[in-house]
PDB file of all heavy atoms in Angstrom:
ATOM      1  N   ALA A   1      -2.432  -9.861   5.569  1.00  0.00           N
ATOM      2  CA  ALA A   1      -3.215 -10.380   4.444  1.00  0.00           C
ATOM      3  C   ALA A   1      -4.482  -9.574   4.197  1.00  0.00           C
ATOM      4  O   ALA A   1      -4.805  -9.226   3.050  1.00  0.00           O
ATOM      5  CB  ALA A   1      -3.558 -11.856   4.689  1.00  0.00           C
ATOM      6  N   ALA A   2      -5.216  -9.253   5.257  1.00  0.00           N
ATOM      7  CA  ALA A   2      -6.489  -8.537   5.089  1.00  0.00           C
ATOM      8  C   ALA A   2      -6.264  -7.166   4.466  1.00  0.00           C
ATOM      9  O   ALA A   2      -6.986  -6.758   3.547  1.00  0.00           O
ATOM     10  CB  ALA A   2      -7.199  -8.415   6.435  1.00  0.00           C
ATOM     11  N   TRP A   3      -5.244  -6.446   4.947  1.00  0.00           N
ATOM     12  CA  TRP A   3      -4.961  -5.116   4.390  1.00  0.00           C
ATOM     13  C   TRP A   3      -4.451  -5.211   2.959  1.00  0.00           C
ATOM     14  O   TRP A   3      -4.873  -4.437   2.094  1.00  0.00           O
ATOM     15  CB  TRP A   3      -3.928  -4.408   5.274  1.00  0.00           C
ATOM     16  CG  TRP A   3      -3.557  -3.051   4.758  1.00  0.00           C
ATOM     17  CD1 TRP A   3      -4.216  -1.879   4.955  1.00  0.00           C
ATOM     18  CD2 TRP A   3      -2.421  -2.729   3.930  1.00  0.00           C
ATOM     19  NE1 TRP A   3      -3.573  -0.845   4.315  1.00  0.00           N
ATOM     20  CE2 TRP A   3      -2.469  -1.335   3.674  1.00  0.00           C
ATOM     21  CE3 TRP A   3      -1.381  -3.474   3.380  1.00  0.00           C
ATOM     22  CZ2 TRP A   3      -1.509  -0.685   2.904  1.00  0.00           C
ATOM     23  CZ3 TRP A   3      -0.431  -2.822   2.611  1.00  0.00           C
ATOM     24  CH2 TRP A   3      -0.495  -1.454   2.381  1.00  0.00           C
ATOM     25  N   ILE A   4      -3.559  -6.138   2.707  1.00  0.00           N
ATOM     26  CA  ILE A   4      -2.964  -6.277   1.371  1.00  0.00           C
ATOM     27  C   ILE A   4      -4.029  -6.526   0.315  1.00  0.00           C
ATOM     28  O   ILE A   4      -3.984  -5.961  -0.783  1.00  0.00           O
ATOM     29  CB  ILE A   4      -1.920  -7.417   1.376  1.00  0.00           C
ATOM     30  CG1 ILE A   4      -0.680  -6.986   2.172  1.00  0.00           C
ATOM     31  CG2 ILE A   4      -1.534  -7.835  -0.037  1.00  0.00           C
ATOM     32  CD1 ILE A   4       0.310  -8.098   2.426  1.00  0.00           C
ATOM     33  N   GLU A   5      -5.012  -7.326   0.650  1.00  0.00           N
ATOM     34  CA  GLU A   5      -6.022  -7.714  -0.345  1.00  0.00           C
ATOM     35  C   GLU A   5      -7.051  -6.622  -0.604  1.00  0.00           C
ATOM     36  O   GLU A   5      -7.895  -6.767  -1.490  1.00  0.00           O
ATOM     37  CB  GLU A   5      -6.696  -9.015   0.098  1.00  0.00           C
ATOM     38  CG  GLU A   5      -5.744 -10.203   0.049  1.00  0.00           C
ATOM     39  CD  GLU A   5      -6.342 -11.474   0.637  1.00  0.00           C
ATOM     40  OE1 GLU A   5      -7.573 -11.530   0.797  1.00  0.00           O
ATOM     41  OE2 GLU A   5      -5.563 -12.404   0.929  1.00  0.00           O
ATOM     42  N   THR A   6      -6.991  -5.524   0.138  1.00  0.00           N
ATOM     43  CA  THR A   6      -7.903  -4.405  -0.120  1.00  0.00           C
ATOM     44  C   THR A   6      -7.252  -3.317  -0.970  1.00  0.00           C
ATOM     45  O   THR A   6      -7.920  -2.339  -1.322  1.00  0.00           O
ATOM     46  CB  THR A   6      -8.376  -3.781   1.204  1.00  0.00           C
ATOM     47  OG1 THR A   6      -7.242  -3.255   1.910  1.00  0.00           O
ATOM     48  CG2 THR A   6      -9.104  -4.803   2.067  1.00  0.00           C
ATOM     49  N   GLN A   7      -5.967  -3.467  -1.301  1.00  0.00           N
ATOM     50  CA  GLN A   7      -5.259  -2.423  -2.047  1.00  0.00           C
ATOM     51  C   GLN A   7      -5.350  -2.649  -3.557  1.00  0.00           C
ATOM     52  O   GLN A   7      -5.422  -3.784  -4.028  1.00  0.00           O
ATOM     53  CB  GLN A   7      -3.785  -2.382  -1.629  1.00  0.00           C
ATOM     54  CG  GLN A   7      -3.570  -2.231  -0.131  1.00  0.00           C
ATOM     55  CD  GLN A   7      -4.274  -1.033   0.436  1.00  0.00           C
ATOM     56  OE1 GLN A   7      -4.075   0.092  -0.018  1.00  0.00           O
ATOM     57  NE2 GLN A   7      -5.121  -1.261   1.436  1.00  0.00           N
ATOM     58  N   ASP A   8      -5.339  -1.550  -4.303  1.00  0.00           N
ATOM     59  CA  ASP A   8      -5.335  -1.606  -5.763  1.00  0.00           C
ATOM     60  C   ASP A   8      -3.885  -1.584  -6.238  1.00  0.00           C
ATOM     61  O   ASP A   8      -3.311  -0.541  -6.538  1.00  0.00           O
ATOM     62  CB  ASP A   8      -6.113  -0.410  -6.333  1.00  0.00           C
ATOM     63  CG  ASP A   8      -6.325  -0.523  -7.841  1.00  0.00           C
ATOM     64  OD1 ASP A   8      -5.628  -1.348  -8.468  1.00  0.00           O
ATOM     65  OD2 ASP A   8      -7.178   0.195  -8.378  1.00  0.00           O
ATOM     66  N   TRP A   9      -3.279  -2.762  -6.296  1.00  0.00           N
ATOM     67  CA  TRP A   9      -1.859  -2.847  -6.631  1.00  0.00           C
ATOM     68  C   TRP A   9      -1.591  -2.535  -8.102  1.00  0.00           C
ATOM     69  O   TRP A   9      -0.510  -2.047  -8.448  1.00  0.00           O
ATOM     70  CB  TRP A   9      -1.327  -4.229  -6.274  1.00  0.00           C
ATOM     71  CG  TRP A   9      -1.412  -4.492  -4.804  1.00  0.00           C
ATOM     72  CD1 TRP A   9      -2.293  -5.296  -4.147  1.00  0.00           C
ATOM     73  CD2 TRP A   9      -0.597  -3.897  -3.774  1.00  0.00           C
ATOM     74  NE1 TRP A   9      -2.085  -5.250  -2.784  1.00  0.00           N
ATOM     75  CE2 TRP A   9      -1.050  -4.405  -2.528  1.00  0.00           C
ATOM     76  CE3 TRP A   9       0.460  -2.999  -3.788  1.00  0.00           C
ATOM     77  CZ2 TRP A   9      -0.472  -4.019  -1.323  1.00  0.00           C
ATOM     78  CZ3 TRP A   9       1.039  -2.624  -2.584  1.00  0.00           C
ATOM     79  CH2 TRP A   9       0.568  -3.140  -1.375  1.00  0.00           C
ATOM     80  N   ALA A  10      -2.552  -2.792  -8.958  1.00  0.00           N
ATOM     81  CA  ALA A  10      -2.374  -2.463 -10.377  1.00  0.00           C
ATOM     82  C   ALA A  10      -2.235  -0.956 -10.561  1.00  0.00           C
ATOM     83  O   ALA A  10      -1.395  -0.472 -11.326  1.00  0.00           O
ATOM     84  CB  ALA A  10      -3.553  -3.006 -11.193  1.00  0.00           C
ATOM     85  N   TYR A  11      -3.061  -0.207  -9.841  1.00  0.00           N
ATOM     86  CA  TYR A  11      -2.984   1.249  -9.930  1.00  0.00           C
ATOM     87  C   TYR A  11      -1.677   1.750  -9.318  1.00  0.00           C
ATOM     88  O   TYR A  11      -1.039   2.662  -9.843  1.00  0.00           O
ATOM     89  CB  TYR A  11      -4.181   1.875  -9.223  1.00  0.00           C
ATOM     90  CG  TYR A  11      -4.236   3.382  -9.336  1.00  0.00           C
ATOM     91  CD1 TYR A  11      -4.638   3.997 -10.514  1.00  0.00           C
ATOM     92  CD2 TYR A  11      -3.884   4.189  -8.260  1.00  0.00           C
ATOM     93  CE1 TYR A  11      -4.686   5.373 -10.621  1.00  0.00           C
ATOM     94  CE2 TYR A  11      -3.930   5.571  -8.350  1.00  0.00           C
ATOM     95  CZ  TYR A  11      -4.337   6.159  -9.539  1.00  0.00           C
ATOM     96  OH  TYR A  11      -4.382   7.526  -9.639  1.00  0.00           O
ATOM     97  N   ALA A  12      -1.263   1.149  -8.223  1.00  0.00           N
ATOM     98  CA  ALA A  12      -0.008   1.546  -7.591  1.00  0.00           C
ATOM     99  C   ALA A  12       1.178   1.290  -8.515  1.00  0.00           C
ATOM    100  O   ALA A  12       2.136   2.063  -8.544  1.00  0.00           O
ATOM    101  CB  ALA A  12       0.172   0.800  -6.268  1.00  0.00           C
ATOM    102  N   ALA A  13       1.090   0.209  -9.280  1.00  0.00           N
ATOM    103  CA  ALA A  13       2.187  -0.119 -10.200  1.00  0.00           C
ATOM    104  C   ALA A  13       2.275   0.867 -11.354  1.00  0.00           C
ATOM    105  O   ALA A  13       3.346   1.061 -11.939  1.00  0.00           O
ATOM    106  CB  ALA A  13       1.999  -1.536 -10.745  1.00  0.00           C
ATOM    107  N   SER A  14       1.157   1.520 -11.680  1.00  0.00           N
ATOM    108  CA  SER A  14       1.135   2.432 -12.822  1.00  0.00           C
ATOM    109  C   SER A  14       1.344   3.888 -12.435  1.00  0.00           C
ATOM    110  O   SER A  14       1.576   4.730 -13.297  1.00  0.00           O
ATOM    111  CB  SER A  14      -0.199   2.305 -13.574  1.00  0.00           C
ATOM    112  OG  SER A  14      -1.280   2.704 -12.743  1.00  0.00           O
ATOM    113  N   LYS A  15       1.242   4.213 -11.134  1.00  0.00           N
ATOM    114  CA  LYS A  15       1.364   5.610 -10.705  1.00  0.00           C
ATOM    115  C   LYS A  15       2.295   5.685  -9.506  1.00  0.00           C
ATOM    116  O   LYS A  15       1.986   5.180  -8.431  1.00  0.00           O
ATOM    117  CB  LYS A  15      -0.005   6.183 -10.366  1.00  0.00           C
ATOM    118  CG  LYS A  15       0.027   7.690 -10.125  1.00  0.00           C
ATOM    119  CD  LYS A  15      -1.365   8.282 -10.078  1.00  0.00           C
ATOM    120  CE  LYS A  15      -1.301   9.800  -9.941  1.00  0.00           C
ATOM    121  NZ  LYS A  15      -2.640  10.418  -9.931  1.00  0.00           N
ATOM    122  N   GLU A  16       3.420   6.351  -9.684  1.00  0.00           N
ATOM    123  CA  GLU A  16       4.457   6.373  -8.648  1.00  0.00           C
ATOM    124  C   GLU A  16       3.988   7.062  -7.373  1.00  0.00           C
ATOM    125  O   GLU A  16       4.297   6.623  -6.267  1.00  0.00           O
ATOM    126  CB  GLU A  16       5.699   7.082  -9.183  1.00  0.00           C
ATOM    127  CG  GLU A  16       6.866   7.079  -8.199  1.00  0.00           C
ATOM    128  CD  GLU A  16       8.107   7.749  -8.763  1.00  0.00           C
ATOM    129  OE1 GLU A  16       8.089   8.095  -9.956  1.00  0.00           O
ATOM    130  OE2 GLU A  16       9.071   7.923  -8.011  1.00  0.00           O
ATOM    131  N   SER A  17       3.226   8.163  -7.515  1.00  0.00           N
ATOM    132  CA  SER A  17       2.789   8.891  -6.322  1.00  0.00           C
ATOM    133  C   SER A  17       1.888   8.023  -5.449  1.00  0.00           C
ATOM    134  O   SER A  17       1.984   8.040  -4.220  1.00  0.00           O
ATOM    135  CB  SER A  17       2.047  10.167  -6.723  1.00  0.00           C
ATOM    136  OG  SER A  17       0.902   9.859  -7.497  1.00  0.00           O
ATOM    137  N   HIS A  18       1.016   7.233  -6.104  1.00  0.00           N
ATOM    138  CA  HIS A  18       0.139   6.361  -5.317  1.00  0.00           C
ATOM    139  C   HIS A  18       0.941   5.202  -4.711  1.00  0.00           C
ATOM    140  O   HIS A  18       0.653   4.758  -3.599  1.00  0.00           O
ATOM    141  CB  HIS A  18      -0.987   5.813  -6.192  1.00  0.00           C
ATOM    142  CG  HIS A  18      -1.984   4.993  -5.429  1.00  0.00           C
ATOM    143  ND1 HIS A  18      -2.824   5.537  -4.490  1.00  0.00           N
ATOM    144  CD2 HIS A  18      -2.258   3.656  -5.453  1.00  0.00           C
ATOM    145  CE1 HIS A  18      -3.579   4.581  -3.969  1.00  0.00           C
ATOM    146  NE2 HIS A  18      -3.254   3.441  -4.531  1.00  0.00           N
ATOM    147  N   ALA A  19       1.937   4.735  -5.449  1.00  0.00           N
ATOM    148  CA  ALA A  19       2.784   3.664  -4.912  1.00  0.00           C
ATOM    149  C   ALA A  19       3.503   4.130  -3.656  1.00  0.00           C
ATOM    150  O   ALA A  19       3.632   3.382  -2.680  1.00  0.00           O
ATOM    151  CB  ALA A  19       3.793   3.220  -5.973  1.00  0.00           C
ATOM    152  N   THR A  20       3.965   5.382  -3.660  1.00  0.00           N
ATOM    153  CA  THR A  20       4.615   5.934  -2.468  1.00  0.00           C
ATOM    154  C   THR A  20       3.644   6.000  -1.300  1.00  0.00           C
ATOM    155  O   THR A  20       3.994   5.673  -0.155  1.00  0.00           O
ATOM    156  CB  THR A  20       5.162   7.344  -2.770  1.00  0.00           C
ATOM    157  OG1 THR A  20       6.078   7.264  -3.864  1.00  0.00           O
ATOM    158  CG2 THR A  20       5.888   7.919  -1.555  1.00  0.00           C
ATOM    159  N   LEU A  21       2.416   6.416  -1.590  1.00  0.00           N
ATOM    160  CA  LEU A  21       1.393   6.479  -0.545  1.00  0.00           C
ATOM    161  C   LEU A  21       1.128   5.093   0.041  1.00  0.00           C
ATOM    162  O   LEU A  21       1.075   4.919   1.267  1.00  0.00           O
ATOM    163  CB  LEU A  21       0.099   7.061  -1.125  1.00  0.00           C
ATOM    164  CG  LEU A  21      -1.115   7.102  -0.185  1.00  0.00           C
ATOM    165  CD1 LEU A  21      -0.831   7.997   1.012  1.00  0.00           C
ATOM    166  CD2 LEU A  21      -2.351   7.577  -0.933  1.00  0.00           C
ATOM    167  N   VAL A  22       0.988   4.096  -0.835  1.00  0.00           N
ATOM    168  CA  VAL A  22       0.728   2.734  -0.372  1.00  0.00           C
ATOM    169  C   VAL A  22       1.911   2.212   0.440  1.00  0.00           C
ATOM    170  O   VAL A  22       1.737   1.527   1.457  1.00  0.00           O
ATOM    171  CB  VAL A  22       0.439   1.799  -1.570  1.00  0.00           C
ATOM    172  CG1 VAL A  22       0.349   0.350  -1.109  1.00  0.00           C
ATOM    173  CG2 VAL A  22      -0.855   2.209  -2.257  1.00  0.00           C
ATOM    174  N   PHE A  23       3.129   2.549   0.003  1.00  0.00           N
ATOM    175  CA  PHE A  23       4.312   2.097   0.735  1.00  0.00           C
ATOM    176  C   PHE A  23       4.322   2.625   2.164  1.00  0.00           C
ATOM    177  O   PHE A  23       4.576   1.884   3.118  1.00  0.00           O
ATOM    178  CB  PHE A  23       5.579   2.543   0.002  1.00  0.00           C
ATOM    179  CG  PHE A  23       6.852   2.249   0.763  1.00  0.00           C
ATOM    180  CD1 PHE A  23       7.367   0.963   0.808  1.00  0.00           C
ATOM    181  CD2 PHE A  23       7.512   3.260   1.435  1.00  0.00           C
ATOM    182  CE1 PHE A  23       8.535   0.690   1.520  1.00  0.00           C
ATOM    183  CE2 PHE A  23       8.677   3.003   2.142  1.00  0.00           C
ATOM    184  CZ  PHE A  23       9.180   1.708   2.185  1.00  0.00           C
ATOM    185  N   HIS A  24       4.031   3.914   2.321  1.00  0.00           N
ATOM    186  CA  HIS A  24       4.025   4.483   3.670  1.00  0.00           C
ATOM    187  C   HIS A  24       2.863   3.936   4.492  1.00  0.00           C
ATOM    188  O   HIS A  24       2.987   3.763   5.709  1.00  0.00           O
ATOM    189  CB  HIS A  24       3.975   6.004   3.595  1.00  0.00           C
ATOM    190  CG  HIS A  24       5.282   6.618   3.187  1.00  0.00           C
ATOM    191  ND1 HIS A  24       6.312   6.836   4.061  1.00  0.00           N
ATOM    192  CD2 HIS A  24       5.745   7.020   1.966  1.00  0.00           C
ATOM    193  CE1 HIS A  24       7.343   7.368   3.432  1.00  0.00           C
ATOM    194  NE2 HIS A  24       7.023   7.490   2.146  1.00  0.00           N
ATOM    195  N   ASN A  25       1.742   3.644   3.838  1.00  0.00           N
ATOM    196  CA  ASN A  25       0.646   2.987   4.552  1.00  0.00           C
ATOM    197  C   ASN A  25       1.055   1.591   5.009  1.00  0.00           C
ATOM    198  O   ASN A  25       0.665   1.132   6.089  1.00  0.00           O
ATOM    199  CB  ASN A  25      -0.595   2.905   3.660  1.00  0.00           C
ATOM    200  CG  ASN A  25      -1.243   4.259   3.442  1.00  0.00           C
ATOM    201  OD1 ASN A  25      -0.999   5.190   4.203  1.00  0.00           O
ATOM    202  ND2 ASN A  25      -2.054   4.386   2.419  1.00  0.00           N
ATOM    203  N   LEU A  26       1.844   0.903   4.170  1.00  0.00           N
ATOM    204  CA  LEU A  26       2.349  -0.420   4.525  1.00  0.00           C
ATOM    205  C   LEU A  26       3.229  -0.335   5.775  1.00  0.00           C
ATOM    206  O   LEU A  26       3.108  -1.158   6.694  1.00  0.00           O
ATOM    207  CB  LEU A  26       3.146  -1.007   3.354  1.00  0.00           C
ATOM    208  CG  LEU A  26       3.912  -2.312   3.631  1.00  0.00           C
ATOM    209  CD1 LEU A  26       2.950  -3.439   3.978  1.00  0.00           C
ATOM    210  CD2 LEU A  26       4.769  -2.695   2.430  1.00  0.00           C
ATOM    211  N   LEU A  27       4.103   0.670   5.829  1.00  0.00           N
ATOM    212  CA  LEU A  27       4.936   0.839   7.015  1.00  0.00           C
ATOM    213  C   LEU A  27       4.075   1.098   8.247  1.00  0.00           C
ATOM    214  O   LEU A  27       4.377   0.612   9.348  1.00  0.00           O
ATOM    215  CB  LEU A  27       5.915   1.999   6.810  1.00  0.00           C
ATOM    216  CG  LEU A  27       6.954   1.835   5.697  1.00  0.00           C
ATOM    217  CD1 LEU A  27       7.889   3.033   5.676  1.00  0.00           C
ATOM    218  CD2 LEU A  27       7.748   0.554   5.852  1.00  0.00           C
ATOM    219  N   GLY A  28       2.991   1.854   8.056  1.00  0.00           N
ATOM    220  CA  GLY A  28       2.080   2.093   9.173  1.00  0.00           C
ATOM    221  C   GLY A  28       1.400   0.822   9.642  1.00  0.00           C
ATOM    222  O   GLY A  28       1.226   0.598  10.850  1.00  0.00           O
ATOM    223  N   GLU A  29       1.010  -0.043   8.696  1.00  0.00           N
ATOM    224  CA  GLU A  29       0.398  -1.324   9.056  1.00  0.00           C
ATOM    225  C   GLU A  29       1.396  -2.213   9.804  1.00  0.00           C
ATOM    226  O   GLU A  29       1.026  -2.936  10.734  1.00  0.00           O
ATOM    227  CB  GLU A  29      -0.100  -2.042   7.790  1.00  0.00           C
ATOM    228  CG  GLU A  29      -1.281  -1.374   7.110  1.00  0.00           C
ATOM    229  CD  GLU A  29      -2.531  -1.418   7.966  1.00  0.00           C
ATOM    230  OE1 GLU A  29      -2.752  -2.439   8.656  1.00  0.00           O
ATOM    231  OE2 GLU A  29      -3.283  -0.431   7.960  1.00  0.00           O
ATOM    232  N   ILE A  30       2.662  -2.167   9.382  1.00  0.00           N
ATOM    233  CA  ILE A  30       3.695  -2.937  10.083  1.00  0.00           C
ATOM    234  C   ILE A  30       3.831  -2.436  11.520  1.00  0.00           C
ATOM    235  O   ILE A  30       3.966  -3.228  12.460  1.00  0.00           O
ATOM    236  CB  ILE A  30       5.041  -2.844   9.334  1.00  0.00           C
ATOM    237  CG1 ILE A  30       4.931  -3.541   7.967  1.00  0.00           C
ATOM    238  CG2 ILE A  30       6.158  -3.474  10.150  1.00  0.00           C
ATOM    239  CD1 ILE A  30       6.177  -3.417   7.118  1.00  0.00           C
ATOM    240  N   ASP A  31       3.796  -1.104  11.692  1.00  0.00           N
ATOM    241  CA  ASP A  31       3.879  -0.535  13.048  1.00  0.00           C
ATOM    242  C   ASP A  31       2.724  -1.007  13.918  1.00  0.00           C
ATOM    243  O   ASP A  31       2.908  -1.346  15.094  1.00  0.00           O
ATOM    244  CB  ASP A  31       3.879   0.997  12.983  1.00  0.00           C
ATOM    245  CG  ASP A  31       5.211   1.550  12.505  1.00  0.00           C
ATOM    246  OD1 ASP A  31       6.215   0.821  12.620  1.00  0.00           O
ATOM    247  OD2 ASP A  31       5.250   2.687  12.017  1.00  0.00           O
ATOM    248  N   GLN A  32       1.508  -1.033  13.351  1.00  0.00           N
ATOM    249  CA  GLN A  32       0.344  -1.481  14.122  1.00  0.00           C
ATOM    250  C   GLN A  32       0.471  -2.953  14.504  1.00  0.00           C
ATOM    251  O   GLN A  32       0.146  -3.358  15.623  1.00  0.00           O
ATOM    252  CB  GLN A  32      -0.936  -1.250  13.317  1.00  0.00           C
ATOM    253  CG  GLN A  32      -1.288   0.222  13.150  1.00  0.00           C
ATOM    254  CD  GLN A  32      -2.627   0.420  12.477  1.00  0.00           C
ATOM    255  OE1 GLN A  32      -3.449  -0.491  12.432  1.00  0.00           O
ATOM    256  NE2 GLN A  32      -2.844   1.607  11.931  1.00  0.00           N
ATOM    257  N   GLN A  33       0.944  -3.769  13.558  1.00  0.00           N
ATOM    258  CA  GLN A  33       1.119  -5.186  13.842  1.00  0.00           C
ATOM    259  C   GLN A  33       2.190  -5.377  14.912  1.00  0.00           C
ATOM    260  O   GLN A  33       2.066  -6.225  15.797  1.00  0.00           O
ATOM    261  CB  GLN A  33       1.511  -5.937  12.563  1.00  0.00           C
ATOM    262  CG  GLN A  33       1.600  -7.450  12.724  1.00  0.00           C
ATOM    263  CD  GLN A  33       0.268  -8.079  13.082  1.00  0.00           C
ATOM    264  OE1 GLN A  33      -0.743  -7.779  12.463  1.00  0.00           O
ATOM    265  NE2 GLN A  33       0.251  -8.949  14.065  1.00  0.00           N
TER     266      GLN A  33
END
């Protein structure tokens, strides 16, 4: 929750390259958890 609420999801939805970056960061957060 804490990480998710710090992301700019509107920007990720409008730009594919940033969405890919956020996705891989999400996988990294899952690994840490």
